[in-house]
Amino acid sequence: METGFKIYMAGWGLALVAGVVVFVLKRKTILPTCPGYFKFLTTPWKVITFVIAATGMTVIAPYTGDPTWDTVDALFMSVLTYLTAPWAVGILYRALRRQAGWGEAYIAACLWLFSASWSYDLYLVWRDGIYPPTWQANLYLSSILYLLAGMFWNLDWTAGRGLHFAFMQDGWPAPNPNPVFTKLLWLGLPIMLFVAILILAFVEF
């Protein structure tokens, strides 16, 4: 592996270590929100759409013509995205609004980059023994998908506010006690269709 890639790996490895340190320092702020976030993630419509998306990504991986995209990285990147994207996207938005601190924003950025890029790179280095030449293209494409996933699984509807992103309201990431999936479709469906078209564009028929 080239020296430049070794330096790059060392750099993001240190960034992840720093993220763990920040998490430990901020644990009293973050850990109390975890039970609410778990309930937020396990809302039935989110679980169902995740299973559909992860299955689709994993099944079509061998047919894309991309040797770096196999069933293993398709599956674990789908899982990482589902587990982290709603929180990471929400935290970064709230940090821009000064509703979350720099520590949480740094952790969110690390989760984003690890889920969308660094885990992919690390797996392929282990599998192939070289740094993937597609790392930069994957970073861009997977980041788009990660952002869309974070937005999609934050869709919410309430009688008083209508359709909105859950991270915009107080109490997030506590789940909506009365979710209405059909109310989310006019924005959720275009996101799902866009992602499907983007992925299917890589399939070799």
N, C-alpha and C. Protein backbone atom coordinates (compact mmCIF):
# COMPACT_ATOMS: atom_id res chain seq x y z
N MET A 1 0.85 -1.19 0.00
CA MET A 1 0.00 0.00 0.00
C MET A 1 0.88 1.24 0.00
N GLU A 2 0.50 2.24 -0.77
CA GLU A 2 1.30 3.44 -0.91
C GLU A 2 1.38 4.21 0.41
N THR A 3 2.49 4.94 0.56
CA THR A 3 2.73 5.69 1.80
C THR A 3 1.62 6.71 2.07
N GLY A 4 1.15 7.36 1.00
CA GLY A 4 0.11 8.36 1.18
C GLY A 4 -1.15 7.78 1.79
N PHE A 5 -1.52 6.58 1.37
CA PHE A 5 -2.71 5.94 1.92
C PHE A 5 -2.48 5.49 3.36
N LYS A 6 -1.25 5.08 3.66
CA LYS A 6 -0.93 4.71 5.04
C LYS A 6 -1.08 5.92 5.96
N ILE A 7 -0.62 7.06 5.48
CA ILE A 7 -0.76 8.30 6.26
C ILE A 7 -2.23 8.66 6.42
N TYR A 8 -2.99 8.51 5.34
CA TYR A 8 -4.42 8.82 5.39
C TYR A 8 -5.13 7.91 6.39
N MET A 9 -4.81 6.61 6.35
CA MET A 9 -5.43 5.68 7.30
C MET A 9 -5.06 6.03 8.74
N ALA A 10 -3.80 6.37 8.94
CA ALA A 10 -3.37 6.75 10.29
C ALA A 10 -4.11 8.00 10.75
N GLY A 11 -4.33 8.92 9.81
CA GLY A 11 -5.03 10.16 10.15
C GLY A 11 -6.46 9.91 10.57
N TRP A 12 -7.19 9.10 9.77
CA TRP A 12 -8.58 8.88 10.18
C TRP A 12 -8.68 7.92 11.36
N GLY A 13 -7.66 7.09 11.54
CA GLY A 13 -7.64 6.26 12.74
C GLY A 13 -7.51 7.11 13.99
N LEU A 14 -6.63 8.11 13.93
CA LEU A 14 -6.48 9.03 15.06
C LEU A 14 -7.75 9.84 15.28
N ALA A 15 -8.41 10.21 14.17
CA ALA A 15 -9.67 10.95 14.29
C ALA A 15 -10.72 10.13 15.02
N LEU A 16 -10.76 8.83 14.74
CA LEU A 16 -11.72 7.96 15.42
C LEU A 16 -11.38 7.80 16.90
N VAL A 17 -10.09 7.67 17.20
CA VAL A 17 -9.67 7.59 18.60
C VAL A 17 -10.08 8.86 19.34
N ALA A 18 -9.87 10.00 18.68
CA ALA A 18 -10.28 11.27 19.28
C ALA A 18 -11.79 11.30 19.49
N GLY A 19 -12.53 10.71 18.55
CA GLY A 19 -13.98 10.65 18.69
C GLY A 19 -14.40 9.84 19.90
N VAL A 20 -13.70 8.74 20.15
CA VAL A 20 -13.99 7.93 21.33
C VAL A 20 -13.71 8.72 22.61
N VAL A 21 -12.60 9.45 22.60
CA VAL A 21 -12.25 10.28 23.77
C VAL A 21 -13.32 11.34 24.01
N VAL A 22 -13.76 11.99 22.94
CA VAL A 22 -14.80 13.01 23.08
C VAL A 22 -16.09 12.39 23.60
N PHE A 23 -16.41 11.19 23.10
CA PHE A 23 -17.62 10.51 23.58
C PHE A 23 -17.54 10.25 25.09
N VAL A 24 -16.38 9.79 25.53
CA VAL A 24 -16.21 9.53 26.97
C VAL A 24 -16.41 10.83 27.76
N LEU A 25 -15.86 11.91 27.25
CA LEU A 25 -15.98 13.20 27.93
C LEU A 25 -17.42 13.72 27.93
N LYS A 26 -18.16 13.38 26.86
CA LYS A 26 -19.52 13.89 26.70
C LYS A 26 -20.58 12.85 27.07
N ARG A 27 -20.16 11.75 27.68
CA ARG A 27 -21.09 10.64 27.90
C ARG A 27 -22.28 11.03 28.77
N LYS A 28 -22.09 11.95 29.71
CA LYS A 28 -23.20 12.35 30.57
C LYS A 28 -24.27 13.11 29.81
N THR A 29 -23.88 13.68 28.67
CA THR A 29 -24.86 14.37 27.82
C THR A 29 -25.50 13.42 26.83
N ILE A 30 -24.70 12.49 26.29
CA ILE A 30 -25.17 11.63 25.21
C ILE A 30 -25.92 10.40 25.71
N LEU A 31 -25.38 9.72 26.72
CA LEU A 31 -25.95 8.44 27.15
C LEU A 31 -27.41 8.53 27.58
N PRO A 32 -27.82 9.60 28.28
CA PRO A 32 -29.25 9.67 28.66
C PRO A 32 -30.21 9.70 27.48
N THR A 33 -29.73 10.08 26.29
CA THR A 33 -30.61 10.13 25.12
C THR A 33 -30.70 8.79 24.40
N CYS A 34 -29.85 7.83 24.78
CA CYS A 34 -29.79 6.56 24.04
C CYS A 34 -31.10 5.76 24.09
N PRO A 35 -31.74 5.61 25.25
CA PRO A 35 -33.01 4.86 25.25
C PRO A 35 -34.06 5.48 24.33
N GLY A 36 -34.14 6.80 24.33
CA GLY A 36 -35.09 7.47 23.44
C GLY A 36 -34.74 7.27 21.98
N TYR A 37 -33.44 7.28 21.68
CA TYR A 37 -33.00 7.09 20.30
C TYR A 37 -33.29 5.67 19.84
N PHE A 38 -33.13 4.70 20.73
CA PHE A 38 -33.44 3.31 20.37
C PHE A 38 -34.92 3.18 20.02
N LYS A 39 -35.78 3.79 20.82
CA LYS A 39 -37.21 3.75 20.51
C LYS A 39 -37.51 4.50 19.21
N PHE A 40 -36.79 5.60 19.01
CA PHE A 40 -36.94 6.39 17.79
C PHE A 40 -36.60 5.54 16.56
N LEU A 41 -35.52 4.77 16.65
CA LEU A 41 -35.08 3.94 15.53
C LEU A 41 -35.99 2.75 15.27
N THR A 42 -36.59 2.23 16.32
CA THR A 42 -37.36 1.00 16.18
C THR A 42 -38.85 1.25 15.94
N THR A 43 -39.18 2.47 15.55
CA THR A 43 -40.54 2.72 15.07
C THR A 43 -40.80 1.77 13.90
N PRO A 44 -41.92 1.07 13.88
CA PRO A 44 -42.13 0.01 12.87
C PRO A 44 -41.84 0.41 11.44
N TRP A 45 -42.27 1.60 11.00
CA TRP A 45 -42.05 1.95 9.59
C TRP A 45 -40.56 2.12 9.28
N LYS A 46 -39.78 2.52 10.27
CA LYS A 46 -38.34 2.67 10.05
C LYS A 46 -37.66 1.30 9.96
N VAL A 47 -38.08 0.38 10.81
CA VAL A 47 -37.51 -0.97 10.77
C VAL A 47 -37.84 -1.64 9.43
N ILE A 48 -39.09 -1.51 9.00
CA ILE A 48 -39.52 -2.14 7.75
C ILE A 48 -38.76 -1.57 6.56
N THR A 49 -38.65 -0.25 6.49
CA THR A 49 -37.95 0.36 5.35
C THR A 49 -36.46 0.04 5.40
N PHE A 50 -35.90 -0.07 6.60
CA PHE A 50 -34.49 -0.47 6.70
C PHE A 50 -34.28 -1.88 6.16
N VAL A 51 -35.13 -2.80 6.56
CA VAL A 51 -34.99 -4.19 6.11
C VAL A 51 -35.09 -4.26 4.58
N ILE A 52 -36.04 -3.53 4.02
CA ILE A 52 -36.20 -3.52 2.56
C ILE A 52 -34.95 -2.94 1.89
N ALA A 53 -34.47 -1.81 2.41
CA ALA A 53 -33.31 -1.15 1.81
C ALA A 53 -32.05 -2.00 1.94
N ALA A 54 -31.82 -2.55 3.13
CA ALA A 54 -30.61 -3.35 3.35
C ALA A 54 -30.63 -4.62 2.50
N THR A 55 -31.80 -5.23 2.40
CA THR A 55 -31.92 -6.44 1.57
C THR A 55 -31.64 -6.11 0.11
N GLY A 56 -32.22 -5.02 -0.37
CA GLY A 56 -32.00 -4.62 -1.76
C GLY A 56 -30.55 -4.32 -2.04
N MET A 57 -29.90 -3.56 -1.16
CA MET A 57 -28.49 -3.22 -1.35
C MET A 57 -27.62 -4.46 -1.38
N THR A 58 -27.92 -5.41 -0.50
CA THR A 58 -27.10 -6.61 -0.39
C THR A 58 -27.32 -7.56 -1.56
N VAL A 59 -28.56 -7.70 -1.98
CA VAL A 59 -28.88 -8.63 -3.06
C VAL A 59 -28.30 -8.17 -4.40
N ILE A 60 -28.37 -6.86 -4.67
CA ILE A 60 -27.91 -6.40 -5.99
C ILE A 60 -26.40 -6.18 -6.05
N ALA A 61 -25.73 -6.19 -4.91
CA ALA A 61 -24.29 -5.90 -4.89
C ALA A 61 -23.48 -6.73 -5.89
N PRO A 62 -23.71 -8.04 -6.00
CA PRO A 62 -22.90 -8.83 -6.95
C PRO A 62 -23.18 -8.51 -8.42
N TYR A 63 -24.24 -7.78 -8.70
CA TYR A 63 -24.64 -7.53 -10.08
C TYR A 63 -24.32 -6.11 -10.55
N THR A 64 -23.55 -5.38 -9.77
CA THR A 64 -23.28 -3.98 -10.11
C THR A 64 -22.07 -3.81 -11.03
N GLY A 65 -21.24 -4.81 -11.13
CA GLY A 65 -20.02 -4.66 -11.92
C GLY A 65 -18.93 -3.92 -11.18
N ASP A 66 -19.18 -3.58 -9.93
CA ASP A 66 -18.18 -2.91 -9.09
C ASP A 66 -17.55 -3.96 -8.18
N PRO A 67 -16.28 -4.31 -8.41
CA PRO A 67 -15.66 -5.37 -7.61
C PRO A 67 -15.48 -5.01 -6.14
N THR A 68 -15.57 -3.72 -5.82
CA THR A 68 -15.43 -3.32 -4.41
C THR A 68 -16.75 -3.41 -3.66
N TRP A 69 -17.83 -3.60 -4.37
CA TRP A 69 -19.16 -3.65 -3.75
C TRP A 69 -19.61 -5.10 -3.69
N ASP A 70 -19.52 -5.71 -2.53
CA ASP A 70 -19.96 -7.08 -2.38
C ASP A 70 -21.03 -7.16 -1.29
N THR A 71 -21.49 -8.36 -1.02
CA THR A 71 -22.58 -8.51 -0.06
C THR A 71 -22.15 -8.12 1.35
N VAL A 72 -20.87 -8.26 1.64
CA VAL A 72 -20.39 -7.95 3.00
C VAL A 72 -20.44 -6.45 3.27
N ASP A 73 -19.77 -5.66 2.42
CA ASP A 73 -19.78 -4.22 2.70
C ASP A 73 -21.15 -3.59 2.45
N ALA A 74 -21.92 -4.16 1.52
CA ALA A 74 -23.28 -3.65 1.31
C ALA A 74 -24.11 -3.81 2.58
N LEU A 75 -23.95 -4.96 3.24
CA LEU A 75 -24.74 -5.22 4.45
C LEU A 75 -24.26 -4.39 5.63
N PHE A 76 -22.95 -4.40 5.90
CA PHE A 76 -22.53 -3.70 7.12
C PHE A 76 -22.64 -2.18 6.97
N MET A 77 -22.49 -1.66 5.75
CA MET A 77 -22.68 -0.22 5.57
C MET A 77 -24.15 0.16 5.71
N SER A 78 -25.04 -0.73 5.28
CA SER A 78 -26.48 -0.49 5.47
C SER A 78 -26.82 -0.44 6.95
N VAL A 79 -26.28 -1.38 7.71
CA VAL A 79 -26.55 -1.43 9.15
C VAL A 79 -25.99 -0.20 9.85
N LEU A 80 -24.74 0.15 9.53
CA LEU A 80 -24.13 1.33 10.14
C LEU A 80 -24.92 2.60 9.82
N THR A 81 -25.37 2.70 8.59
CA THR A 81 -26.14 3.88 8.18
C THR A 81 -27.45 3.97 8.96
N TYR A 82 -28.13 2.85 9.07
CA TYR A 82 -29.41 2.85 9.81
C TYR A 82 -29.20 3.23 11.28
N LEU A 83 -28.15 2.69 11.87
CA LEU A 83 -27.92 2.92 13.30
C LEU A 83 -27.44 4.33 13.60
N THR A 84 -26.72 4.95 12.68
CA THR A 84 -26.06 6.22 13.01
C THR A 84 -26.56 7.43 12.24
N ALA A 85 -27.02 7.25 11.00
CA ALA A 85 -27.35 8.42 10.17
C ALA A 85 -28.43 9.32 10.76
N PRO A 86 -29.53 8.77 11.29
CA PRO A 86 -30.54 9.67 11.85
C PRO A 86 -29.99 10.56 12.96
N TRP A 87 -29.13 9.98 13.80
CA TRP A 87 -28.54 10.77 14.90
C TRP A 87 -27.50 11.75 14.37
N ALA A 88 -26.60 11.28 13.51
CA ALA A 88 -25.52 12.13 13.03
C ALA A 88 -26.05 13.33 12.24
N VAL A 89 -26.98 13.08 11.34
CA VAL A 89 -27.55 14.18 10.54
C VAL A 89 -28.29 15.16 11.44
N GLY A 90 -29.04 14.62 12.39
CA GLY A 90 -29.77 15.49 13.31
C GLY A 90 -28.85 16.33 14.17
N ILE A 91 -27.80 15.72 14.69
CA ILE A 91 -26.86 16.45 15.55
C ILE A 91 -26.15 17.55 14.76
N LEU A 92 -25.73 17.25 13.54
CA LEU A 92 -25.04 18.26 12.75
C LEU A 92 -25.96 19.44 12.42
N TYR A 93 -27.22 19.14 12.13
CA TYR A 93 -28.18 20.22 11.90
C TYR A 93 -28.34 21.06 13.17
N ARG A 94 -28.49 20.39 14.29
CA ARG A 94 -28.70 21.11 15.55
C ARG A 94 -27.44 21.88 15.97
N ALA A 95 -26.27 21.36 15.61
CA ALA A 95 -25.04 22.08 15.91
C ALA A 95 -24.98 23.39 15.12
N LEU A 96 -25.42 23.34 13.87
CA LEU A 96 -25.47 24.56 13.06
C LEU A 96 -26.44 25.58 13.65
N ARG A 97 -27.45 25.07 14.33
CA ARG A 97 -28.44 25.95 14.98
C ARG A 97 -28.05 26.27 16.42
N ARG A 98 -26.86 25.82 16.81
CA ARG A 98 -26.35 26.02 18.17
C ARG A 98 -27.24 25.36 19.22
N GLN A 99 -27.83 24.24 18.83
CA GLN A 99 -28.64 23.46 19.76
C GLN A 99 -27.91 22.19 20.20
N ALA A 100 -26.71 21.98 19.67
CA ALA A 100 -25.85 20.87 20.07
C ALA A 100 -24.42 21.40 20.09
N GLY A 101 -23.60 20.79 20.94
CA GLY A 101 -22.24 21.28 21.12
C GLY A 101 -21.26 20.73 20.10
N TRP A 102 -20.04 21.27 20.14
CA TRP A 102 -19.00 20.85 19.20
C TRP A 102 -18.63 19.39 19.40
N GLY A 103 -18.68 18.92 20.65
CA GLY A 103 -18.32 17.54 20.92
C GLY A 103 -19.25 16.56 20.23
N GLU A 104 -20.54 16.80 20.38
CA GLU A 104 -21.52 15.95 19.71
C GLU A 104 -21.37 16.03 18.19
N ALA A 105 -21.09 17.24 17.68
CA ALA A 105 -20.93 17.42 16.24
C ALA A 105 -19.71 16.64 15.73
N TYR A 106 -18.64 16.64 16.51
CA TYR A 106 -17.44 15.90 16.10
C TYR A 106 -17.72 14.40 16.06
N ILE A 107 -18.41 13.91 17.08
CA ILE A 107 -18.76 12.49 17.10
C ILE A 107 -19.65 12.15 15.91
N ALA A 108 -20.61 13.02 15.61
CA ALA A 108 -21.50 12.80 14.47
C ALA A 108 -20.71 12.74 13.17
N ALA A 109 -19.75 13.64 13.01
CA ALA A 109 -18.93 13.65 11.80
C ALA A 109 -18.12 12.36 11.68
N CYS A 110 -17.57 11.89 12.79
CA CYS A 110 -16.82 10.63 12.78
C CYS A 110 -17.71 9.45 12.41
N LEU A 111 -18.91 9.42 12.98
CA LEU A 111 -19.84 8.34 12.65
C LEU A 111 -20.20 8.37 11.17
N TRP A 112 -20.43 9.55 10.65
CA TRP A 112 -20.76 9.71 9.22
C TRP A 112 -19.62 9.17 8.36
N LEU A 113 -18.41 9.64 8.61
CA LEU A 113 -17.27 9.25 7.78
C LEU A 113 -16.93 7.77 7.93
N PHE A 114 -17.06 7.25 9.14
CA PHE A 114 -16.76 5.83 9.33
C PHE A 114 -17.81 4.97 8.62
N SER A 115 -19.06 5.33 8.76
CA SER A 115 -20.14 4.53 8.17
C SER A 115 -20.13 4.60 6.65
N ALA A 116 -19.90 5.79 6.11
CA ALA A 116 -20.00 5.99 4.66
C ALA A 116 -18.69 5.75 3.92
N SER A 117 -17.57 5.78 4.62
CA SER A 117 -16.29 5.72 3.90
C SER A 117 -15.24 4.84 4.57
N TRP A 118 -14.87 5.17 5.79
CA TRP A 118 -13.71 4.53 6.38
C TRP A 118 -13.91 3.04 6.64
N SER A 119 -15.12 2.62 6.98
CA SER A 119 -15.37 1.19 7.18
C SER A 119 -15.22 0.44 5.86
N TYR A 120 -15.69 1.06 4.79
CA TYR A 120 -15.55 0.50 3.43
C TYR A 120 -14.08 0.37 3.07
N ASP A 121 -13.32 1.44 3.30
CA ASP A 121 -11.89 1.42 2.99
C ASP A 121 -11.18 0.32 3.78
N LEU A 122 -11.46 0.26 5.08
CA LEU A 122 -10.79 -0.70 5.95
C LEU A 122 -11.10 -2.13 5.53
N TYR A 123 -12.35 -2.39 5.21
CA TYR A 123 -12.74 -3.74 4.78
C TYR A 123 -12.00 -4.14 3.50
N LEU A 124 -11.90 -3.22 2.55
CA LEU A 124 -11.26 -3.56 1.27
C LEU A 124 -9.74 -3.67 1.41
N VAL A 125 -9.16 -2.91 2.32
CA VAL A 125 -7.73 -3.10 2.60
C VAL A 125 -7.51 -4.50 3.16
N TRP A 126 -8.39 -4.92 4.05
CA TRP A 126 -8.28 -6.27 4.62
C TRP A 126 -8.54 -7.34 3.55
N ARG A 127 -9.54 -7.10 2.69
CA ARG A 127 -9.90 -8.10 1.69
C ARG A 127 -8.89 -8.19 0.54
N ASP A 128 -8.43 -7.03 0.07
CA ASP A 128 -7.62 -7.00 -1.15
C ASP A 128 -6.15 -6.68 -0.91
N GLY A 129 -5.85 -6.15 0.26
CA GLY A 129 -4.46 -5.81 0.55
C GLY A 129 -4.00 -4.48 0.00
N ILE A 130 -4.90 -3.72 -0.64
CA ILE A 130 -4.56 -2.40 -1.16
C ILE A 130 -5.68 -1.43 -0.79
N TYR A 131 -5.32 -0.14 -0.79
CA TYR A 131 -6.34 0.86 -0.53
C TYR A 131 -7.22 0.98 -1.77
N PRO A 132 -8.53 0.94 -1.62
CA PRO A 132 -9.41 0.91 -2.81
C PRO A 132 -9.27 2.18 -3.65
N PRO A 133 -9.05 2.03 -4.94
CA PRO A 133 -8.95 3.21 -5.81
C PRO A 133 -10.27 3.97 -5.92
N THR A 134 -11.33 3.33 -5.49
CA THR A 134 -12.66 3.96 -5.54
C THR A 134 -13.00 4.71 -4.25
N TRP A 135 -12.04 4.89 -3.36
CA TRP A 135 -12.35 5.45 -2.04
C TRP A 135 -12.99 6.83 -2.14
N GLN A 136 -12.48 7.67 -3.06
CA GLN A 136 -13.01 9.03 -3.15
C GLN A 136 -14.41 9.05 -3.75
N ALA A 137 -14.61 8.28 -4.82
CA ALA A 137 -15.94 8.21 -5.42
C ALA A 137 -16.95 7.65 -4.42
N ASN A 138 -16.52 6.64 -3.68
CA ASN A 138 -17.41 6.07 -2.67
C ASN A 138 -17.74 7.08 -1.58
N LEU A 139 -16.75 7.86 -1.18
CA LEU A 139 -16.99 8.87 -0.14
C LEU A 139 -18.10 9.83 -0.57
N TYR A 140 -18.06 10.28 -1.81
CA TYR A 140 -19.08 11.22 -2.29
C TYR A 140 -20.45 10.55 -2.40
N LEU A 141 -20.48 9.40 -3.07
CA LEU A 141 -21.76 8.74 -3.30
C LEU A 141 -22.39 8.25 -2.00
N SER A 142 -21.58 7.61 -1.17
CA SER A 142 -22.12 7.08 0.08
C SER A 142 -22.53 8.19 1.03
N SER A 143 -21.86 9.33 0.96
CA SER A 143 -22.26 10.46 1.81
C SER A 143 -23.62 11.01 1.40
N ILE A 144 -23.88 11.02 0.09
CA ILE A 144 -25.20 11.44 -0.38
C ILE A 144 -26.27 10.49 0.16
N LEU A 145 -26.01 9.19 0.04
CA LEU A 145 -26.96 8.20 0.54
C LEU A 145 -27.12 8.30 2.05
N TYR A 146 -26.02 8.56 2.74
CA TYR A 146 -26.05 8.68 4.20
C TYR A 146 -26.91 9.87 4.62
N LEU A 147 -26.71 10.99 3.95
CA LEU A 147 -27.50 12.18 4.25
C LEU A 147 -28.98 11.93 4.00
N LEU A 148 -29.29 11.33 2.86
CA LEU A 148 -30.69 11.05 2.53
C LEU A 148 -31.31 10.08 3.53
N ALA A 149 -30.53 9.08 3.95
CA ALA A 149 -31.04 8.13 4.95
C ALA A 149 -31.31 8.83 6.27
N GLY A 150 -30.38 9.69 6.68
CA GLY A 150 -30.58 10.43 7.93
C GLY A 150 -31.80 11.32 7.88
N MET A 151 -32.03 11.93 6.74
CA MET A 151 -33.22 12.77 6.58
C MET A 151 -34.49 11.92 6.54
N PHE A 152 -34.43 10.83 5.78
CA PHE A 152 -35.61 9.97 5.61
C PHE A 152 -36.08 9.42 6.95
N TRP A 153 -35.16 8.87 7.73
CA TRP A 153 -35.56 8.26 9.00
C TRP A 153 -35.81 9.29 10.10
N ASN A 154 -35.68 10.56 9.77
CA ASN A 154 -36.08 11.64 10.68
C ASN A 154 -37.40 12.29 10.26
N LEU A 155 -38.00 11.79 9.19
CA LEU A 155 -39.28 12.35 8.79
C LEU A 155 -40.31 12.14 9.90
N ASP A 156 -41.12 13.15 10.12
CA ASP A 156 -42.13 13.07 11.17
C ASP A 156 -43.32 13.93 10.79
N TRP A 157 -44.44 13.62 11.39
CA TRP A 157 -45.65 14.40 11.17
C TRP A 157 -46.40 14.52 12.48
N THR A 158 -46.79 15.73 12.81
CA THR A 158 -47.64 15.97 13.98
C THR A 158 -48.79 16.87 13.55
N ALA A 159 -49.87 16.76 14.28
CA ALA A 159 -51.07 17.51 13.91
C ALA A 159 -50.83 19.02 13.94
N GLY A 160 -50.04 19.47 14.89
CA GLY A 160 -49.83 20.90 15.02
C GLY A 160 -48.81 21.47 14.06
N ARG A 161 -47.88 20.62 13.60
CA ARG A 161 -46.77 21.12 12.79
C ARG A 161 -46.76 20.58 11.37
N GLY A 162 -47.46 19.51 11.14
CA GLY A 162 -47.44 18.90 9.82
C GLY A 162 -46.17 18.11 9.59
N LEU A 163 -45.77 18.00 8.33
CA LEU A 163 -44.58 17.23 7.97
C LEU A 163 -43.32 18.03 8.25
N HIS A 164 -42.36 17.40 8.91
CA HIS A 164 -41.12 18.07 9.26
C HIS A 164 -40.07 17.02 9.59
N PHE A 165 -38.86 17.47 9.84
CA PHE A 165 -37.81 16.56 10.30
C PHE A 165 -37.82 16.56 11.83
N ALA A 166 -37.76 15.38 12.39
CA ALA A 166 -37.88 15.24 13.84
C ALA A 166 -36.80 16.01 14.59
N PHE A 167 -35.59 16.11 13.99
CA PHE A 167 -34.51 16.78 14.71
C PHE A 167 -34.72 18.29 14.83
N MET A 168 -35.77 18.81 14.21
CA MET A 168 -36.06 20.23 14.32
C MET A 168 -36.88 20.57 15.57
N GLN A 169 -37.37 19.55 16.25
CA GLN A 169 -38.26 19.83 17.37
C GLN A 169 -37.60 19.51 18.71
N ASP A 170 -38.11 20.14 19.74
CA ASP A 170 -37.62 19.89 21.09
C ASP A 170 -37.90 18.45 21.49
N GLY A 171 -37.02 17.90 22.29
CA GLY A 171 -37.23 16.54 22.77
C GLY A 171 -36.62 15.47 21.90
N TRP A 172 -36.17 15.84 20.69
CA TRP A 172 -35.51 14.87 19.82
C TRP A 172 -34.28 14.32 20.52
N PRO A 173 -34.00 13.01 20.44
CA PRO A 173 -34.59 12.01 19.55
C PRO A 173 -35.70 11.16 20.15
N ALA A 174 -36.44 11.69 21.08
CA ALA A 174 -37.58 10.93 21.59
C ALA A 174 -38.57 10.68 20.45
N PRO A 175 -39.13 9.48 20.36
CA PRO A 175 -40.02 9.17 19.23
C PRO A 175 -41.38 9.83 19.34
N ASN A 176 -42.01 10.02 18.20
CA ASN A 176 -43.38 10.49 18.16
C ASN A 176 -44.28 9.37 18.67
N PRO A 177 -45.08 9.62 19.70
CA PRO A 177 -45.92 8.54 20.24
C PRO A 177 -47.04 8.10 19.28
N ASN A 178 -47.34 8.94 18.30
CA ASN A 178 -48.41 8.61 17.35
C ASN A 178 -47.93 8.80 15.91
N PRO A 179 -46.98 7.98 15.46
CA PRO A 179 -46.47 8.15 14.09
C PRO A 179 -47.52 7.78 13.05
N VAL A 180 -47.56 8.56 11.97
CA VAL A 180 -48.51 8.30 10.88
C VAL A 180 -47.70 8.23 9.59
N PHE A 181 -47.35 7.02 9.17
CA PHE A 181 -46.44 6.85 8.04
C PHE A 181 -47.03 7.40 6.75
N THR A 182 -48.33 7.25 6.56
CA THR A 182 -48.94 7.72 5.31
C THR A 182 -48.78 9.22 5.12
N LYS A 183 -48.65 9.96 6.21
CA LYS A 183 -48.47 11.40 6.12
C LYS A 183 -47.06 11.77 5.63
N LEU A 184 -46.15 10.81 5.69
CA LEU A 184 -44.76 11.08 5.32
C LEU A 184 -44.48 10.77 3.85
N LEU A 185 -45.43 10.13 3.19
CA LEU A 185 -45.15 9.58 1.87
C LEU A 185 -44.84 10.61 0.80
N TRP A 186 -45.46 11.79 0.87
CA TRP A 186 -45.25 12.73 -0.24
C TRP A 186 -43.81 13.23 -0.30
N LEU A 187 -43.09 13.18 0.83
CA LEU A 187 -41.67 13.50 0.80
C LEU A 187 -40.82 12.24 0.90
N GLY A 188 -41.29 11.26 1.66
CA GLY A 188 -40.52 10.03 1.82
C GLY A 188 -40.43 9.22 0.54
N LEU A 189 -41.51 9.18 -0.22
CA LEU A 189 -41.51 8.39 -1.46
C LEU A 189 -40.52 8.92 -2.49
N PRO A 190 -40.45 10.23 -2.74
CA PRO A 190 -39.43 10.73 -3.67
C PRO A 190 -38.00 10.40 -3.23
N ILE A 191 -37.74 10.45 -1.92
CA ILE A 191 -36.41 10.10 -1.43
C ILE A 191 -36.12 8.64 -1.74
N MET A 192 -37.09 7.76 -1.46
CA MET A 192 -36.90 6.34 -1.72
C MET A 192 -36.69 6.07 -3.21
N LEU A 193 -37.46 6.74 -4.05
CA LEU A 193 -37.32 6.54 -5.50
C LEU A 193 -35.98 7.04 -6.01
N PHE A 194 -35.53 8.18 -5.50
CA PHE A 194 -34.24 8.72 -5.92
C PHE A 194 -33.11 7.76 -5.55
N VAL A 195 -33.15 7.24 -4.32
CA VAL A 195 -32.12 6.30 -3.89
C VAL A 195 -32.16 5.03 -4.74
N ALA A 196 -33.36 4.53 -5.01
CA ALA A 196 -33.49 3.32 -5.82
C ALA A 196 -32.92 3.52 -7.21
N ILE A 197 -33.22 4.66 -7.83
CA ILE A 197 -32.70 4.95 -9.17
C ILE A 197 -31.19 5.08 -9.14
N LEU A 198 -30.67 5.74 -8.11
CA LEU A 198 -29.23 5.92 -7.97
C LEU A 198 -28.51 4.58 -7.86
N ILE A 199 -29.08 3.67 -7.09
CA ILE A 199 -28.45 2.36 -6.90
C ILE A 199 -28.60 1.50 -8.16
N LEU A 200 -29.79 1.51 -8.74
CA LEU A 200 -30.03 0.67 -9.92
C LEU A 200 -29.20 1.10 -11.12
N ALA A 201 -28.74 2.35 -11.11
CA ALA A 201 -27.90 2.83 -12.21
C ALA A 201 -26.59 2.06 -12.30
N PHE A 202 -26.20 1.42 -11.20
CA PHE A 202 -24.95 0.67 -11.19
C PHE A 202 -25.13 -0.80 -11.56
N VAL A 203 -26.37 -1.23 -11.68
CA VAL A 203 -26.62 -2.64 -11.97
C VAL A 203 -26.41 -2.92 -13.45
N GLU A 204 -25.71 -4.01 -13.74
CA GLU A 204 -25.48 -4.43 -15.12
C GLU A 204 -26.54 -5.44 -15.52
N PHE A 205 -27.46 -5.02 -16.35
CA PHE A 205 -28.55 -5.90 -16.77
C PHE A 205 -28.11 -6.78 -17.94
